[in-house]
Protein backbone atom coordinates (compact mmCIF):
# COMPACT_ATOMS: atom_id res chain seq x y z
CA MET A 1 46.03 203.16 211.19
CA GLN A 2 43.46 204.71 209.20
CA LEU A 3 45.86 208.28 210.02
CA LYS A 4 48.75 206.43 208.66
CA LEU A 5 46.84 205.16 205.30
CA THR A 6 45.83 208.83 204.80
CA SER A 7 49.65 210.37 205.67
CA ARG A 8 50.78 207.72 203.08
CA ARG A 9 48.00 208.59 200.53
CA THR A 10 48.82 212.49 200.90
CA LEU A 11 52.70 211.93 200.34
CA VAL A 12 51.89 210.34 197.21
CA TYR A 13 49.66 212.48 195.90
CA CYS A 14 52.15 215.72 196.52
CA VAL A 15 54.84 213.32 194.76
CA LEU A 16 52.68 213.13 192.04
CA LEU A 17 51.20 216.95 191.66
CA LEU A 18 55.29 217.92 192.00
CA PHE A 19 56.37 215.52 189.31
CA LEU A 20 53.60 216.51 186.80
CA PHE A 21 54.39 220.33 188.05
CA GLU A 22 58.06 219.60 186.25
CA CYS A 23 56.92 217.92 183.57
CA GLN A 24 55.32 220.68 182.35
CA LYS A 25 57.65 223.55 182.99
CA THR A 26 58.66 225.56 179.42
CA PRO A 27 62.16 224.61 178.31
CA LYS A 28 63.46 227.76 179.11
CA GLU A 29 62.03 227.21 182.86
CA LYS A 30 64.02 223.79 182.67
CA SER A 31 67.11 225.68 180.97
CA GLU A 32 67.24 227.72 184.11
CA ASP A 33 67.94 225.25 186.09
CA LEU A 34 70.88 223.66 183.63
CA PRO A 35 74.66 224.46 184.07
CA LYS A 36 75.69 227.86 182.46
CA GLN A 37 77.27 227.62 178.76
CA ASN A 38 80.84 229.77 177.91
CA GLY A 39 82.58 227.92 175.51
CA ILE A 40 81.49 226.20 172.08
CA SER A 41 79.17 222.92 173.22
CA PRO A 42 75.59 221.11 171.98
CA ASP A 43 72.93 223.25 173.39
CA GLN A 44 71.22 221.89 176.71
CA VAL A 45 67.59 222.66 175.60
CA HIS A 46 68.44 222.16 171.86
CA PRO A 47 70.88 219.68 171.26
CA GLN A 48 70.83 219.73 167.92
CA TYR A 49 72.52 223.07 167.52
CA TRP A 50 75.29 224.45 169.00
CA ASN A 51 75.02 227.24 172.24
CA TYR A 52 77.84 229.58 172.63
CA GLN A 53 77.94 232.12 175.76
CA GLY A 54 75.16 230.82 176.83
CA GLU A 55 72.88 231.16 173.84
CA ALA A 56 71.70 228.81 171.32
CA ILE A 57 73.68 229.89 167.93
CA LEU A 58 73.37 228.73 163.90
CA LEU A 59 76.82 228.91 162.22
CA LEU A 60 76.97 230.71 158.79
CA GLY A 61 80.27 231.19 157.13
CA GLY A 62 81.98 231.51 153.98
CA SER A 63 85.74 231.94 153.03
CA ASP A 64 88.32 232.11 150.47
CA GLU A 65 90.69 229.60 152.23
CA ASP A 66 89.99 226.33 153.93
CA ASN A 67 93.18 227.14 156.40
CA ALA A 68 91.78 230.51 157.04
CA PHE A 69 95.39 230.83 159.70
CA GLN A 70 97.32 230.74 156.80
CA MET A 71 95.98 233.49 154.91
CA PRO A 72 97.52 237.30 154.97
CA GLU A 73 95.54 239.96 156.45
CA VAL A 74 92.98 237.57 157.58
CA GLU A 75 91.38 239.66 159.54
CA LYS A 76 89.79 241.65 157.21
CA HIS A 77 88.59 238.69 156.05
CA LEU A 78 86.97 237.66 159.44
CA GLU A 79 85.61 241.49 159.70
CA ILE A 80 84.05 241.43 156.13
CA LEU A 81 82.11 237.49 157.57
CA LYS A 82 81.14 239.36 160.77
CA GLN A 83 79.32 242.14 158.74
CA ALA A 84 77.28 239.84 157.23
CA GLY A 85 76.55 237.93 160.11
CA GLY A 86 79.00 235.06 159.72
CA ASN A 87 80.23 233.10 163.09
CA TYR A 88 82.14 229.96 161.23
CA LEU A 89 84.76 229.43 159.67
CA ARG A 90 86.64 226.71 158.40
CA CYS A 91 90.67 225.52 159.53
CA THR A 92 92.31 222.76 158.06
CA MET A 93 95.63 222.70 159.34
CA SER A 94 97.45 222.58 155.61
CA SER A 95 100.26 224.18 154.41
CA ARG A 96 100.54 222.78 150.82
CA ASP A 97 99.25 226.29 148.77
CA SER A 98 101.24 229.01 147.62
CA GLY A 99 102.42 231.32 150.67
CA ASN A 100 102.03 228.79 153.14
CA VAL A 101 104.61 227.71 155.83
CA TRP A 102 105.05 224.23 157.36
CA PRO A 103 104.65 223.52 160.96
CA PHE A 104 108.06 222.93 161.38
CA ALA A 105 111.85 224.14 160.80
CA THR A 106 114.32 223.51 159.02
CA ASN A 107 118.32 223.22 159.76
CA GLU A 108 121.27 224.23 157.21
CA GLU A 109 120.57 221.60 154.74
CA GLY A 110 117.20 222.64 154.21
CA LEU A 111 115.79 219.56 156.31
CA TYR A 112 112.87 219.28 158.37
CA ASP A 113 113.21 218.79 161.94
CA LEU A 114 110.36 216.98 163.61
CA ARG A 115 111.75 218.21 166.93
CA GLN A 116 111.54 222.30 166.01
CA TRP A 117 108.96 224.18 165.47
CA ASN A 118 108.42 226.84 162.73
CA GLU A 119 107.44 229.54 165.35
CA THR A 120 106.00 231.60 162.44
CA TYR A 121 103.22 228.78 161.60
CA TRP A 122 102.51 228.41 165.22
CA GLN A 123 101.76 232.46 165.64
CA ARG A 124 99.61 232.68 162.48
CA PHE A 125 97.65 230.01 164.02
CA ASP A 126 97.19 231.76 167.25
CA ASN A 127 96.85 234.87 165.57
CA PHE A 128 93.87 233.88 164.29
CA LEU A 129 92.08 231.82 166.68
CA LYS A 130 92.36 234.71 168.86
CA ALA A 131 91.27 237.17 166.16
CA SER A 132 88.29 234.95 165.86
CA GLN A 133 87.29 234.70 169.48
CA GLN A 134 87.11 238.44 169.49
CA ARG A 135 84.55 238.57 167.06
CA ASN A 136 82.64 235.22 167.88
CA ILE A 137 83.61 233.34 165.38
CA ILE A 138 83.88 229.78 165.55
CA VAL A 139 86.51 227.31 163.82
CA GLN A 140 86.29 224.32 163.09
CA ILE A 141 89.81 222.59 163.33
CA GLU A 142 91.06 220.09 160.74
CA LEU A 143 93.92 218.42 162.62
CA TRP A 144 94.95 216.31 159.50
CA ALA A 145 94.58 217.85 155.84
CA THR A 146 94.20 214.54 154.06
CA PHE A 147 95.57 215.68 150.71
CA ASP A 148 98.86 217.22 152.04
CA PHE A 149 99.98 213.40 152.39
CA TYR A 150 99.35 212.36 149.22
CA ARG A 151 101.13 212.94 145.47
CA ASP A 152 102.80 216.02 144.86
CA ASN A 153 102.42 216.86 148.54
CA TRP A 154 103.95 214.31 149.96
CA GLU A 155 106.94 215.41 148.16
CA VAL A 156 107.82 218.34 149.95
CA ASN A 157 105.70 217.01 153.49
CA PRO A 158 107.71 217.64 156.34
CA PHE A 159 106.56 214.08 157.41
CA ASN A 160 108.27 212.39 154.63
CA PRO A 161 111.33 210.60 155.41
CA LYS A 162 113.20 212.05 152.39
CA ASN A 163 112.52 215.88 153.91
CA ASN A 164 113.21 216.04 157.58
CA VAL A 165 116.84 214.42 160.27
CA ASN A 166 114.75 212.05 161.96
CA TYR A 167 114.07 208.72 160.16
CA SER A 168 114.49 207.00 157.33
CA ALA A 169 112.31 205.06 154.91
CA GLU A 170 113.74 201.94 156.57
CA ARG A 171 113.23 203.20 160.32
CA SER A 172 109.82 205.08 159.53
CA LYS A 173 108.50 202.78 157.37
CA LEU A 174 106.71 204.97 155.56
CA PRO A 175 107.08 205.76 151.76
CA LEU A 176 109.10 208.27 150.07
CA SER A 177 106.26 208.56 147.36
CA VAL A 178 102.50 208.39 146.88
CA PRO A 179 101.43 209.05 143.50
CA THR A 180 97.71 207.90 144.34
CA HIS A 181 94.53 209.83 145.40
CA PRO A 182 94.26 209.48 148.91
CA THR A 183 90.91 207.37 148.36
CA TRP A 184 93.81 204.16 147.27
CA THR A 185 94.80 204.70 151.32
CA GLU A 186 98.31 204.38 149.94
CA ASN A 187 100.11 206.50 152.87
CA ASN A 188 100.79 204.12 155.49
CA PHE A 189 101.41 207.64 157.84
CA PHE A 190 97.52 207.37 158.53
CA TRP A 191 97.76 203.58 159.63
CA SER A 192 100.99 204.74 162.98
CA VAL A 193 97.86 204.10 165.66
CA PRO A 194 98.18 201.29 167.79
CA SER A 195 95.43 199.12 167.14
CA GLN A 196 96.88 199.32 163.33
CA GLU A 197 100.40 199.04 162.40
CA SER A 198 101.31 200.66 165.86
CA ASN A 199 104.50 202.41 164.07
CA LEU A 200 105.39 204.08 167.21
CA VAL A 201 108.52 206.01 165.43
CA VAL A 202 105.99 207.90 163.36
CA LEU A 203 103.26 207.87 165.97
CA GLY A 204 105.29 209.73 168.49
CA TYR A 205 106.14 212.60 165.98
CA GLN A 206 102.85 213.27 165.30
CA GLN A 207 101.31 213.05 168.94
CA SER A 208 104.26 215.35 169.34
CA TYR A 209 102.41 217.77 166.29
CA VAL A 210 99.04 217.17 167.73
CA ASP A 211 100.17 218.34 171.18
CA LYS A 212 101.93 221.88 170.40
CA LEU A 213 98.00 222.34 168.23
CA LEU A 214 96.55 221.79 171.38
CA SER A 215 98.78 223.70 173.46
CA TYR A 216 96.93 227.16 171.30
CA SER A 217 93.81 226.22 170.49
CA LEU A 218 93.27 224.63 174.39
CA GLN A 219 93.50 228.42 175.26
CA TYR A 220 90.64 228.99 172.92
CA ASP A 221 87.04 228.75 173.99
CA ASN A 222 85.15 229.10 170.11
CA VAL A 223 86.89 226.11 168.90
CA LEU A 224 85.19 222.53 167.13
CA TYR A 225 87.35 219.38 166.51
CA CYS A 226 87.43 217.46 162.88
CA MET A 227 89.92 214.93 162.50
CA ASP A 228 90.34 214.51 159.19
CA ASN A 229 89.44 215.73 155.74
CA GLU A 230 86.97 213.09 153.50
CA THR A 231 89.35 210.47 155.02
CA SER A 232 88.84 206.77 153.20
CA VAL A 233 90.83 205.19 155.99
CA THR A 234 89.83 202.81 158.59
CA SER A 235 88.09 204.27 161.68
CA GLU A 236 90.64 203.01 164.21
CA TRP A 237 92.28 206.62 163.36
CA GLY A 238 90.16 208.87 163.52
CA LYS A 239 88.94 206.99 166.50
CA PHE A 240 92.46 207.04 167.93
CA TRP A 241 92.75 211.20 167.76
CA SER A 242 89.49 212.30 168.85
CA LEU A 243 89.55 210.46 171.94
CA TYR A 244 93.88 211.23 172.53
CA ILE A 245 92.62 214.85 172.20
CA LYS A 246 89.39 214.55 174.26
CA LYS A 247 91.79 213.22 176.85
CA VAL A 248 94.35 215.61 176.65
CA ALA A 249 91.92 218.58 177.09
CA SER A 250 89.94 216.72 180.21
CA GLU A 251 93.55 216.67 181.57
CA GLN A 252 93.56 220.39 181.06
CA GLY A 253 89.98 220.46 182.98
CA LYS A 254 88.55 221.83 178.74
CA GLN A 255 86.02 219.95 177.40
CA ILE A 256 86.17 219.99 173.88
CA PHE A 257 84.09 218.22 170.35
CA THR A 258 84.95 216.20 167.94
CA THR A 259 83.77 214.76 164.31
CA GLU A 260 85.07 212.61 161.66
CA MET A 261 84.50 213.86 157.46
CA TRP A 262 84.76 210.76 155.38
CA ASP A 263 84.46 210.76 151.51
CA PRO A 264 81.48 209.22 150.37
CA HIS A 265 79.12 211.40 148.91
CA ASP A 266 76.39 209.37 149.79
CA LEU A 267 75.96 210.14 154.05
CA SER A 268 74.03 206.21 153.12
CA HIS A 269 77.60 205.27 152.68
CA ALA A 270 78.33 202.65 155.87
CA ALA A 271 81.41 204.91 156.64
CA HIS A 272 79.60 207.57 157.65
CA ARG A 273 77.97 205.16 160.44
CA GLU A 274 81.75 205.50 161.90
CA THR A 275 80.40 208.96 162.85
CA ILE A 276 76.79 208.86 163.37
CA ASP A 277 76.51 205.93 165.49
CA HIS A 278 79.39 206.42 167.85
CA PRO A 279 78.03 209.47 170.04
CA GLU A 280 81.30 208.17 173.10
CA ILE A 281 83.64 209.01 170.18
CA TYR A 282 82.23 211.53 168.42
CA ASP A 283 80.41 214.68 169.38
CA PHE A 284 78.56 215.57 166.64
CA ALA A 285 78.89 214.81 162.59
CA ASP A 286 80.07 216.89 159.88
CA ILE A 287 77.69 216.07 156.50
CA SER A 288 79.22 218.22 154.45
CA GLN A 289 79.52 215.39 151.27
CA ASN A 290 75.91 215.75 150.77
CA ASN A 291 76.09 219.15 149.42
CA HIS A 292 77.70 217.41 146.06
CA LYS A 293 73.82 216.57 146.09
CA SER A 294 71.33 218.58 144.76
CA ALA A 295 67.63 219.77 144.61
CA ASP A 296 65.38 217.28 146.27
CA MET A 297 67.66 214.59 146.63
CA HIS A 298 70.08 216.96 148.88
CA TRP A 299 67.12 217.68 150.84
CA GLU A 300 65.97 214.45 151.28
CA ASN A 301 68.97 212.23 151.89
CA GLY A 302 69.95 215.42 154.73
CA LEU A 303 66.83 214.50 156.56
CA LYS A 304 67.65 210.83 156.80
CA GLN A 305 71.40 211.66 158.46
CA LEU A 306 69.14 214.41 161.07
CA GLN A 307 66.78 211.20 161.48
CA ARG A 308 69.69 208.92 161.75
CA ILE A 309 71.27 210.88 164.45
CA ALA A 310 68.41 211.57 166.25
CA THR A 311 67.55 207.48 166.98
CA SER A 312 71.36 207.18 167.35
CA GLY A 313 70.88 207.40 171.37
CA LYS A 314 72.28 210.84 171.47
CA VAL A 315 71.21 214.03 169.42
CA ARG A 316 74.09 216.35 168.34
CA PRO A 317 74.18 218.70 166.40
CA ALA A 318 75.21 218.26 162.30
CA ASN A 319 77.45 220.58 160.88
CA ASN A 320 77.99 221.38 157.25
CA VAL A 321 81.63 222.72 156.89
CA LYS A 322 81.71 222.89 152.79
CA ILE A 323 78.76 223.95 150.61
CA TYR A 324 80.20 222.95 146.99
CA GLY A 325 79.54 224.66 143.95
CA ASN A 326 80.53 227.71 141.64
CA ASP A 327 79.62 228.16 138.02
CA GLY A 328 83.24 226.96 135.89
CA GLY A 329 84.45 225.26 139.34
CA ARG A 330 84.84 221.70 139.61
CA HIS A 331 81.64 220.74 141.68
CA GLN A 332 78.34 222.04 141.45
CA THR A 333 77.17 225.27 140.05
CA THR A 334 76.26 228.69 141.92
CA GLN A 335 72.46 227.91 141.96
CA ASN A 336 73.10 224.38 143.91
CA ALA A 337 75.69 226.63 145.84
CA ILE A 338 72.81 228.99 147.17
CA GLU A 339 69.83 226.47 147.18
CA SER A 340 72.14 224.07 149.68
CA PHE A 341 72.95 226.54 151.63
CA CYS A 342 69.10 227.52 152.86
CA ARG A 343 68.04 224.20 152.66
CA ASN A 344 70.74 222.93 155.09
CA VAL A 345 69.68 226.01 157.18
CA LEU A 346 65.49 225.17 157.05
CA MET A 347 66.06 221.79 157.67
CA GLY A 348 67.50 221.89 160.81
CA CYS A 349 70.96 221.45 160.17
CA ALA A 350 73.56 223.31 163.29
CA SER A 351 75.82 224.95 160.55
CA ALA A 352 76.59 225.66 156.55
CA ARG A 353 79.76 227.29 154.85
CA PHE A 354 80.26 227.72 151.74
CA HIS A 355 83.69 226.10 150.22
CA ARG A 356 86.69 228.30 149.14
CA PRO A 357 86.55 228.91 144.91
CA THR A 358 86.75 227.34 142.70
CA SER A 359 84.75 224.89 144.04
CA GLY A 360 82.58 226.65 146.68
CA GLN A 361 81.77 230.46 146.92
CA GLY A 362 83.97 231.12 149.64
CA LEU A 363 82.97 235.01 150.99
CA ASN A 364 82.18 236.80 147.41
CA GLU A 365 78.96 239.16 147.65
CA VAL A 366 76.75 235.94 146.97
CA ALA A 367 78.23 234.20 149.85
CA GLN A 368 77.64 237.39 151.72
CA ALA A 369 74.15 238.51 150.77
CA THR A 370 73.31 235.00 151.57
CA ILE A 371 74.84 234.55 154.86
CA LYS A 372 72.87 238.18 155.20
CA THR A 373 69.38 236.59 154.47
CA MET A 374 69.76 233.34 156.29
CA ARG A 375 70.51 235.25 159.57
CA LYS A 376 67.39 237.33 159.36
CA VAL A 377 65.34 234.75 158.57
CA SER A 378 66.95 232.70 161.18
CA SER A 379 65.95 235.24 164.23
CA MET A 380 62.22 234.35 164.38
CA GLN A 381 61.17 233.32 167.49
CA GLY A 382 61.13 229.94 167.58
CA PHE A 383 63.81 228.60 165.17
CA PHE A 384 65.54 226.32 166.99
CA GLU A 385 62.13 224.48 168.17
CA GLY A 386 61.07 224.51 164.21
CA LYS A 387 61.35 221.23 162.33
CA ALA A 388 60.94 220.52 158.02
CA ASN A 389 58.18 220.16 156.59
CA ASN A 390 57.61 220.07 153.01
CA GLU A 391 54.32 217.87 153.80
CA ILE A 392 51.78 220.83 153.77
CA LEU A 393 52.98 222.36 150.82
CA LEU A 394 50.31 221.51 148.25
CA ASN A 395 50.53 222.19 144.65
CA ARG A 396 54.53 222.20 144.65
CA GLU A 397 56.84 221.08 141.78
CA ALA A 398 59.72 219.28 142.32
CA ASN A 399 62.82 221.52 143.86
CA GLU A 400 60.52 224.59 143.82
CA ALA A 401 59.58 225.20 147.74
CA PHE A 402 60.91 223.95 151.60
CA CYS A 403 58.66 224.67 154.54
CA ARG A 404 60.03 224.94 158.06
CA THR A 405 57.65 224.92 160.36
CA LEU A 406 57.95 227.09 163.82
CA PRO A 407 55.62 226.92 166.92
CA ASP A 408 52.52 229.37 167.28
CA ASN A 409 51.74 228.16 163.70
CA GLN A 410 54.70 230.34 162.32
CA PHE A 411 56.93 229.34 159.08
CA ILE A 412 59.32 229.79 156.87
CA VAL A 413 59.00 228.56 153.31
CA TYR A 414 62.41 228.96 150.56
CA PHE A 415 61.95 229.16 146.99
CA THR A 416 64.62 228.23 144.65
CA ASN A 417 63.63 230.19 141.57
CA GLY A 418 60.60 232.31 142.18
CA GLY A 419 56.99 230.03 141.91
CA GLU A 420 53.94 229.65 143.45
CA VAL A 421 52.63 227.17 146.71
CA ASP A 422 49.87 226.41 148.78
CA LEU A 423 50.52 226.13 152.66
CA ASP A 424 48.37 223.72 154.43
CA VAL A 425 47.76 226.30 157.86
CA GLU A 426 44.77 224.23 159.62
CA ASN A 427 44.04 227.31 160.96
CA SER A 428 41.86 230.22 160.56
CA GLN A 429 44.20 233.43 161.18
CA ASN A 430 45.30 235.83 158.62
CA TYR A 431 49.42 235.97 158.16
CA GLN A 432 51.81 238.60 157.66
CA ALA A 433 54.27 237.94 155.44
CA THR A 434 57.65 239.39 155.07
CA TRP A 435 59.69 237.83 151.34
CA TYR A 436 63.35 238.38 151.53
CA HIS A 437 65.32 237.94 148.55
CA VAL A 438 68.51 236.01 149.35
CA LEU A 439 70.65 237.98 147.17
CA SER A 440 69.97 241.19 148.00
CA ASP A 441 68.37 243.75 150.44
CA GLU A 442 65.67 243.66 149.00
CA THR A 443 62.27 242.97 151.30
CA ILE A 444 58.27 242.97 150.83
CA SER A 445 55.44 242.75 153.19
CA GLN A 446 51.97 242.02 152.74
CA GLU A 447 48.87 241.00 153.94
CA LEU A 448 47.65 237.04 153.33
CA LYS A 449 44.42 235.88 154.03
CA LEU A 450 43.47 232.34 153.74
CA ASP A 451 41.20 230.52 151.38
CA ASP A 452 39.94 227.64 153.57
CA GLY A 453 42.45 226.95 155.44
CA VAL A 454 44.89 227.22 152.58
CA LEU A 455 47.57 230.44 152.57
CA SER A 456 48.47 230.90 148.70
CA LEU A 457 52.20 231.88 148.22
CA ALA A 458 53.30 233.62 144.95
CA CYS A 459 56.64 234.84 144.66
CA PRO A 460 57.49 238.31 144.00
CA GLU A 461 59.50 237.13 141.08
CA GLU A 462 62.31 234.97 139.58
CA GLY A 463 65.15 233.81 142.12
CA HIS A 464 66.03 233.12 145.72
CA TRP A 465 63.36 234.23 147.67
CA VAL A 466 62.19 232.73 151.29
CA VAL A 467 58.91 234.34 152.89
CA CYS A 468 58.30 234.23 156.77
CA LEU A 469 55.21 233.76 157.77
CA LEU A 470 53.35 235.19 161.11
CA PRO A 471 49.90 235.12 162.37
CA SER A 472 48.18 238.60 162.61
CA SER A 473 47.02 239.61 165.66
């Protein structure tokens, strides 16, 4: 009897030791047991970031058009992005700009046939996806280009009943004219799904278009999916299409990842909860509208959303597919664009991309330089384990500096326009500082000594600077 008890104790003891051993494994050791990742997907070790071809990645980008697949000589643009260290593009399925084509063919009378395809449109799309994948560039598609369906753009849109041979206004119940802004939601094209108007006539042609799009995009492993651009319609529309395209992909043995983009600039607006609070529908968040904010408010609001995602039941990436700001443009300034880009990287967002001109920098020299610098900064060992940590910045003025803490007492500090702050590092080591001028290739290295656990940081001069701090050996 005593022998049996001893054996049981031994067994329990061995199980306990095995449990403790598993708990003490490093993330790297644990990752070796995880399934291999190839296509774009949330990273299994750091699920707030993306993984591509088996490596955690930070998505950085910019482009001169939103619908990049419609750009002439788009491969040259992709090559510029790649050379700058970029790996991320937006692709609205839009046809509203000069030189664009629509997805459908026309008859002799110039009317569209929603059952016939314009091969030029789809060939452009396929060529773009192929060229992007060849350069390891991730493409975030927007299925429905919201602004194509309102005001002057609706007047020429193939889905408008007066422009196609497939249905009348009476049969489709679609308007012939929509003179209002999309926020008025007066085009019931976006109410066709079964849980709303169940307009099966229109829905059938919408489905046919989406199926055609997926017949190309599912051939590639570098594609993310957003349902709309700055939508204001009910969540039923985006929910329907998100679940639909994921089901179609699943039936073909593929897994894809989806999100929705809402119009409100305030991320605390209830509409954004329809994405953040529903991981069963959406696999990542796009928080681009936060980039309408500036300075400390931009940082604080972004961090609040990252925290909400972390406590939503499933940690997921938060993307910024468009960052606003261009002097003379409609939204924000160039200064704000650079700041927002750098802050997004340090706060822990999964992506940052400059919006097209004139609302953003596109892929101009400012954008290229910023992408190049932040790619260098994000290559620091332990970057993906880091966290935003302005609390350790002492003597900081409003919007002066922003900090990210990395493992092993490493730090990254971004200065918006020169300045000086103290860093409370709480150790006894001196530091090797590498200063990067965000908008040039200028790099300055210096040795910094601690003074009672405080490290004094003074920018070499005014302008955008990032300093990477490593303990001296």
